[in-house]
Amino acid sequence: MSREFPKIENYVVASDVEQRDGVGVEIYSGGKMIMEVFRDDTKMKREVTLYQKELELDVVEQAIAIFKKEIPHDYQD
């Protein structure tokens, strides 16, 4: 946990070029991935996937803030 993002237990910046083409931030809690924010360069979209049914709004907002801090906005060819 960081002071800047106290609701986020752990996160990983990861790229995917097999099923999708892009990069994102995986958010973990209790050792399990609970959500992902992903920049898909093929679709030219940024997407959020929730892997847990109910998440605190603060967790989602902080995850998006981490994504914006860590991942460049420009799509790659």
Protein backbone atom coordinates (compact mmCIF):
# COMPACT_ATOMS: atom_id res chain seq x y z
CA MET A 1 0.00 0.00 0.00
CA SER A 2 1.14 3.51 -0.68
CA ARG A 3 0.15 6.79 0.88
CA GLU A 4 -1.00 8.02 -2.50
CA PHE A 5 -3.24 4.95 -3.09
CA PRO A 6 -4.11 3.58 0.37
CA LYS A 7 -7.00 1.38 -0.85
CA ILE A 8 -4.78 -0.53 -3.31
CA GLU A 9 -3.05 -3.51 -1.71
CA ASN A 10 -0.85 -4.33 -4.73
CA TYR A 11 -0.74 -3.67 -8.47
CA VAL A 12 1.25 -4.83 -11.48
CA VAL A 13 1.79 -3.09 -14.81
CA ALA A 14 1.47 -5.80 -17.47
CA SER A 15 1.33 -5.99 -21.25
CA ASP A 16 -0.62 -8.47 -23.32
CA VAL A 17 0.18 -9.22 -26.95
CA GLU A 18 -1.34 -12.70 -27.29
CA GLN A 19 -5.13 -12.35 -26.99
CA ARG A 20 -5.12 -8.55 -27.03
CA ASP A 21 -2.56 -5.92 -27.91
CA GLY A 22 -1.92 -3.38 -25.20
CA VAL A 23 -0.88 -2.68 -21.66
CA GLY A 24 -2.69 -2.31 -18.38
CA VAL A 25 -2.67 -2.29 -14.61
CA GLU A 26 -3.77 -5.36 -12.68
CA ILE A 27 -5.11 -4.66 -9.18
CA TYR A 28 -4.70 -7.30 -6.46
CA SER A 29 -6.23 -7.85 -3.02
CA GLY A 30 -5.64 -10.90 -0.85
CA GLY A 31 -3.38 -12.35 -3.54
CA LYS A 32 -6.18 -12.36 -6.13
CA MET A 33 -6.65 -10.04 -9.11
CA ILE A 34 -9.81 -8.05 -8.41
CA MET A 35 -9.77 -5.70 -11.41
CA GLU A 36 -7.83 -4.58 -14.44
CA VAL A 37 -7.63 -1.29 -16.30
CA PHE A 38 -6.34 -1.91 -19.84
CA ARG A 39 -5.37 0.16 -22.88
CA ASP A 40 -6.23 -1.94 -25.93
CA ASP A 41 -4.18 -0.63 -28.85
CA THR A 42 -6.07 -2.75 -31.41
CA LYS A 43 -9.50 -1.43 -30.40
CA MET A 44 -8.09 2.01 -29.48
CA LYS A 45 -10.06 1.87 -26.22
CA ARG A 46 -9.35 1.90 -22.51
CA GLU A 47 -11.37 -0.67 -20.58
CA VAL A 48 -12.04 -1.71 -17.00
CA THR A 49 -12.67 -5.36 -16.09
CA LEU A 50 -13.94 -6.29 -12.63
CA TYR A 51 -13.08 -9.76 -11.31
CA GLN A 52 -14.91 -9.26 -8.02
CA LYS A 53 -18.63 -8.53 -7.89
CA GLU A 54 -18.57 -5.64 -5.44
CA LEU A 55 -15.69 -3.20 -5.09
CA GLU A 56 -15.48 -0.01 -3.09
CA LEU A 57 -15.72 3.07 -5.28
CA ASP A 58 -12.46 4.32 -3.70
CA VAL A 59 -10.66 1.19 -4.93
CA VAL A 60 -11.95 1.68 -8.49
CA GLU A 61 -11.09 5.39 -8.49
CA GLN A 62 -7.58 4.75 -7.16
CA ALA A 63 -7.03 1.96 -9.71
CA ILE A 64 -7.97 4.35 -12.51
CA ALA A 65 -5.63 6.99 -11.06
CA ILE A 66 -2.77 4.43 -11.01
CA PHE A 67 -3.55 3.54 -14.64
CA LYS A 68 -3.44 7.19 -15.68
CA LYS A 69 -0.15 7.67 -13.82
CA GLU A 70 1.57 4.51 -15.12
CA ILE A 71 0.23 3.99 -18.65
CA PRO A 72 0.75 6.49 -21.50
CA HIS A 73 -2.50 7.66 -23.10
CA ASP A 74 -1.26 7.39 -26.70
CA TYR A 75 -2.17 4.20 -28.51
CA GLN A 76 0.59 2.18 -30.18
CA ASP A 77 0.50 0.86 -33.76
